[in-house]
């Protein structure tokens, strides 16, 4: 099963932060690729634990995912720039 998630990665100080808003999970690393890999590991661990506990479907539905034909579809997340006067 594959789940497609939105990922936002940015540099803060000397580290990169990686975040997926659909599951509200974040991680960090010294490089962009390390932050992304650690986020993948965190999401995988989260999914495995919810399956072990028997709460996977409940967690996915409460996060806005919809199951269609054996596939979980992520909720629509829009990430864009917003310009405001300062």
N, C-alpha and C. Protein backbone atom coordinates (compact mmCIF):
# COMPACT_ATOMS: atom_id res chain seq x y z
N UNK A 1 0.85 -1.18 0.00
CA UNK A 1 0.00 0.00 0.00
C UNK A 1 0.89 1.23 0.00
N UNK A 2 0.56 2.20 -0.83
CA UNK A 2 1.27 3.47 -0.85
C UNK A 2 0.32 4.57 -0.45
N UNK A 3 0.82 5.49 0.33
CA UNK A 3 0.06 6.67 0.73
C UNK A 3 0.88 7.87 0.30
N UNK A 4 0.27 8.78 -0.43
CA UNK A 4 0.97 9.97 -0.88
C UNK A 4 0.67 11.13 0.06
N UNK A 5 1.73 11.74 0.57
CA UNK A 5 1.61 12.81 1.56
C UNK A 5 2.28 14.08 1.06
N UNK A 6 1.77 15.21 1.48
CA UNK A 6 2.40 16.49 1.24
C UNK A 6 3.59 16.61 2.19
N UNK A 7 4.71 17.09 1.69
CA UNK A 7 5.88 17.26 2.54
C UNK A 7 6.42 18.67 2.38
N UNK A 8 6.66 19.32 3.49
CA UNK A 8 7.27 20.64 3.50
C UNK A 8 8.62 20.50 4.21
N UNK A 9 9.69 20.94 3.56
CA UNK A 9 11.02 20.86 4.15
C UNK A 9 11.65 22.25 4.08
N UNK A 10 12.19 22.69 5.21
CA UNK A 10 12.83 24.00 5.24
C UNK A 10 14.02 23.96 6.17
N UNK A 11 14.91 24.92 5.99
CA UNK A 11 16.12 24.98 6.81
C UNK A 11 15.87 25.94 7.97
N UNK A 12 16.26 25.49 9.15
CA UNK A 12 16.15 26.32 10.34
C UNK A 12 17.46 26.18 11.10
N UNK A 13 18.25 27.23 11.11
CA UNK A 13 19.57 27.16 11.73
C UNK A 13 20.46 26.23 10.93
N UNK A 14 21.01 25.23 11.59
CA UNK A 14 21.91 24.29 10.91
C UNK A 14 21.21 23.00 10.50
N UNK A 15 19.91 22.90 10.75
CA UNK A 15 19.18 21.67 10.43
C UNK A 15 18.02 21.94 9.46
N UNK A 16 17.60 20.87 8.82
CA UNK A 16 16.42 20.91 7.97
C UNK A 16 15.27 20.24 8.72
N UNK A 17 14.10 20.85 8.61
CA UNK A 17 12.89 20.29 9.22
C UNK A 17 11.99 19.76 8.11
N UNK A 18 11.43 18.60 8.31
CA UNK A 18 10.52 18.00 7.35
C UNK A 18 9.19 17.75 8.06
N UNK A 19 8.11 18.08 7.38
CA UNK A 19 6.78 18.03 8.00
C UNK A 19 5.75 17.55 6.98
N UNK A 20 4.84 16.71 7.42
CA UNK A 20 3.69 16.32 6.61
C UNK A 20 2.41 16.73 7.33
N UNK A 21 1.68 17.69 6.77
CA UNK A 21 0.50 18.20 7.48
C UNK A 21 -0.65 17.22 7.59
N UNK A 22 -0.78 16.28 6.65
CA UNK A 22 -1.90 15.34 6.71
C UNK A 22 -1.88 14.52 7.99
N UNK A 23 -0.70 14.12 8.44
CA UNK A 23 -0.59 13.31 9.67
C UNK A 23 0.00 14.10 10.84
N UNK A 24 0.36 15.35 10.59
CA UNK A 24 0.95 16.22 11.62
C UNK A 24 2.18 15.56 12.25
N UNK A 25 3.08 15.09 11.39
CA UNK A 25 4.31 14.44 11.83
C UNK A 25 5.49 15.24 11.28
N UNK A 26 6.50 15.43 12.10
CA UNK A 26 7.69 16.18 11.69
C UNK A 26 8.95 15.43 12.10
N UNK A 27 10.03 15.77 11.43
CA UNK A 27 11.34 15.22 11.76
C UNK A 27 12.38 16.24 11.34
N UNK A 28 13.65 15.91 11.59
CA UNK A 28 14.72 16.84 11.19
C UNK A 28 15.97 16.07 10.82
N UNK A 29 16.90 16.77 10.16
CA UNK A 29 18.17 16.16 9.80
C UNK A 29 19.18 17.25 9.47
N UNK A 30 20.44 16.86 9.36
CA UNK A 30 21.48 17.83 9.03
C UNK A 30 21.47 18.21 7.56
N UNK A 31 20.88 17.35 6.71
CA UNK A 31 20.74 17.64 5.29
C UNK A 31 19.27 17.50 4.90
N UNK A 32 18.94 18.04 3.75
CA UNK A 32 17.57 17.94 3.27
C UNK A 32 17.18 16.47 3.09
N UNK A 33 18.06 15.69 2.47
CA UNK A 33 17.73 14.28 2.24
C UNK A 33 17.63 13.50 3.56
N UNK A 34 18.46 13.84 4.54
CA UNK A 34 18.38 13.16 5.84
C UNK A 34 17.06 13.50 6.54
N UNK A 35 16.64 14.76 6.46
CA UNK A 35 15.37 15.16 7.06
C UNK A 35 14.20 14.43 6.40
N UNK A 36 14.25 14.30 5.07
CA UNK A 36 13.20 13.60 4.35
C UNK A 36 13.19 12.11 4.71
N UNK A 37 14.35 11.49 4.79
CA UNK A 37 14.43 10.08 5.14
C UNK A 37 13.93 9.84 6.57
N UNK A 38 14.29 10.73 7.49
CA UNK A 38 13.83 10.58 8.87
C UNK A 38 12.32 10.78 8.98
N UNK A 39 11.77 11.67 8.15
CA UNK A 39 10.32 11.85 8.13
C UNK A 39 9.66 10.57 7.61
N UNK A 40 10.22 9.98 6.56
CA UNK A 40 9.69 8.72 6.03
C UNK A 40 9.71 7.64 7.12
N UNK A 41 10.80 7.57 7.87
CA UNK A 41 10.91 6.60 8.96
C UNK A 41 9.87 6.86 10.04
N UNK A 42 9.67 8.14 10.39
CA UNK A 42 8.69 8.49 11.43
C UNK A 42 7.27 8.14 11.00
N UNK A 43 6.95 8.44 9.74
CA UNK A 43 5.61 8.13 9.23
C UNK A 43 5.41 6.62 9.18
N UNK A 44 6.42 5.88 8.72
CA UNK A 44 6.33 4.43 8.66
C UNK A 44 6.13 3.83 10.05
N UNK A 45 6.88 4.33 11.03
CA UNK A 45 6.73 3.84 12.41
C UNK A 45 5.33 4.16 12.94
N UNK A 46 4.83 5.35 12.64
CA UNK A 46 3.49 5.75 13.06
C UNK A 46 2.44 4.81 12.48
N UNK A 47 2.53 4.55 11.17
CA UNK A 47 1.58 3.68 10.50
C UNK A 47 1.65 2.26 11.06
N UNK A 48 2.86 1.75 11.23
CA UNK A 48 3.02 0.39 11.77
C UNK A 48 2.43 0.28 13.18
N UNK A 49 2.62 1.30 13.98
CA UNK A 49 2.09 1.27 15.35
C UNK A 49 0.57 1.34 15.36
N UNK A 50 -0.03 2.18 14.50
CA UNK A 50 -1.49 2.25 14.47
C UNK A 50 -2.09 0.93 13.97
N UNK A 51 -1.40 0.28 13.03
CA UNK A 51 -1.87 -1.03 12.58
C UNK A 51 -1.76 -2.05 13.70
N UNK A 52 -0.64 -2.03 14.43
CA UNK A 52 -0.44 -2.97 15.55
C UNK A 52 -1.53 -2.78 16.61
N UNK A 53 -1.91 -1.53 16.84
CA UNK A 53 -2.93 -1.23 17.85
C UNK A 53 -4.35 -1.44 17.33
N UNK A 54 -4.50 -1.63 16.02
CA UNK A 54 -5.82 -1.81 15.44
C UNK A 54 -6.57 -0.52 15.23
N UNK A 55 -5.87 0.60 15.20
CA UNK A 55 -6.53 1.90 15.06
C UNK A 55 -6.21 2.60 13.74
N UNK A 56 -5.55 1.89 12.82
CA UNK A 56 -5.10 2.52 11.57
C UNK A 56 -6.23 3.20 10.82
N UNK A 57 -7.31 2.48 10.54
CA UNK A 57 -8.43 3.05 9.78
C UNK A 57 -9.04 4.25 10.49
N UNK A 58 -9.20 4.14 11.79
CA UNK A 58 -9.77 5.24 12.57
C UNK A 58 -8.88 6.47 12.51
N UNK A 59 -7.57 6.28 12.65
CA UNK A 59 -6.61 7.40 12.60
C UNK A 59 -6.64 8.05 11.22
N UNK A 60 -6.64 7.22 10.17
CA UNK A 60 -6.64 7.77 8.81
C UNK A 60 -7.91 8.57 8.54
N UNK A 61 -9.04 8.05 8.95
CA UNK A 61 -10.30 8.78 8.73
C UNK A 61 -10.33 10.08 9.53
N UNK A 62 -9.84 10.06 10.75
CA UNK A 62 -9.85 11.29 11.55
C UNK A 62 -8.87 12.32 11.01
N UNK A 63 -7.87 11.88 10.23
CA UNK A 63 -6.93 12.80 9.59
C UNK A 63 -7.46 13.31 8.25
N UNK A 64 -8.66 12.86 7.86
CA UNK A 64 -9.28 13.35 6.63
C UNK A 64 -9.09 12.46 5.41
N UNK A 65 -8.45 11.31 5.57
CA UNK A 65 -8.26 10.39 4.46
C UNK A 65 -9.57 9.65 4.17
N UNK A 66 -9.74 9.28 2.91
CA UNK A 66 -10.91 8.50 2.50
C UNK A 66 -10.43 7.23 1.82
N UNK A 67 -11.04 6.11 2.17
CA UNK A 67 -10.66 4.84 1.56
C UNK A 67 -11.55 4.59 0.35
N UNK A 68 -10.91 4.41 -0.79
CA UNK A 68 -11.62 4.12 -2.04
C UNK A 68 -10.96 2.92 -2.69
N UNK A 69 -11.67 1.83 -2.73
CA UNK A 69 -11.16 0.60 -3.38
C UNK A 69 -9.80 0.19 -2.84
N UNK A 70 -9.63 -0.11 -1.67
CA UNK A 70 -8.34 -0.59 -1.11
C UNK A 70 -7.23 0.45 -1.15
N UNK A 71 -7.54 1.70 -1.41
CA UNK A 71 -6.51 2.74 -1.47
C UNK A 71 -6.96 3.93 -0.62
N UNK A 72 -6.04 4.46 0.17
CA UNK A 72 -6.34 5.62 1.00
C UNK A 72 -5.99 6.88 0.21
N UNK A 73 -6.96 7.78 0.07
CA UNK A 73 -6.74 9.05 -0.62
C UNK A 73 -6.58 10.15 0.41
N UNK A 74 -5.50 10.91 0.26
CA UNK A 74 -5.20 11.98 1.20
C UNK A 74 -6.17 13.14 1.04
N UNK A 75 -6.41 13.88 2.11
CA UNK A 75 -7.24 15.08 2.00
C UNK A 75 -6.50 16.12 1.18
N UNK A 76 -7.23 17.00 0.55
CA UNK A 76 -6.63 18.06 -0.24
C UNK A 76 -5.95 19.05 0.69
N UNK A 77 -4.66 19.25 0.47
CA UNK A 77 -3.90 20.22 1.25
C UNK A 77 -3.29 21.20 0.26
N UNK A 78 -3.52 22.47 0.46
CA UNK A 78 -2.97 23.48 -0.43
C UNK A 78 -1.86 24.22 0.31
N UNK A 79 -0.67 24.20 -0.28
CA UNK A 79 0.45 24.96 0.28
C UNK A 79 0.88 25.95 -0.77
N UNK A 80 0.81 27.21 -0.45
CA UNK A 80 1.17 28.24 -1.42
C UNK A 80 1.73 29.45 -0.67
N UNK A 81 2.17 30.41 -1.42
CA UNK A 81 2.69 31.66 -0.84
C UNK A 81 1.54 32.65 -0.72
N UNK A 82 1.58 33.43 0.31
CA UNK A 82 0.58 34.46 0.52
C UNK A 82 1.31 35.77 0.76
N UNK A 83 1.04 36.74 -0.08
CA UNK A 83 1.70 38.04 0.06
C UNK A 83 0.80 38.98 0.84
N UNK A 84 1.38 39.62 1.87
CA UNK A 84 0.64 40.59 2.67
C UNK A 84 1.49 41.82 2.88
N UNK A 85 0.86 42.94 3.07
CA UNK A 85 1.59 44.17 3.32
C UNK A 85 2.08 44.18 4.75
N UNK A 86 3.31 44.61 4.94
CA UNK A 86 3.86 44.65 6.29
C UNK A 86 4.30 46.05 6.65
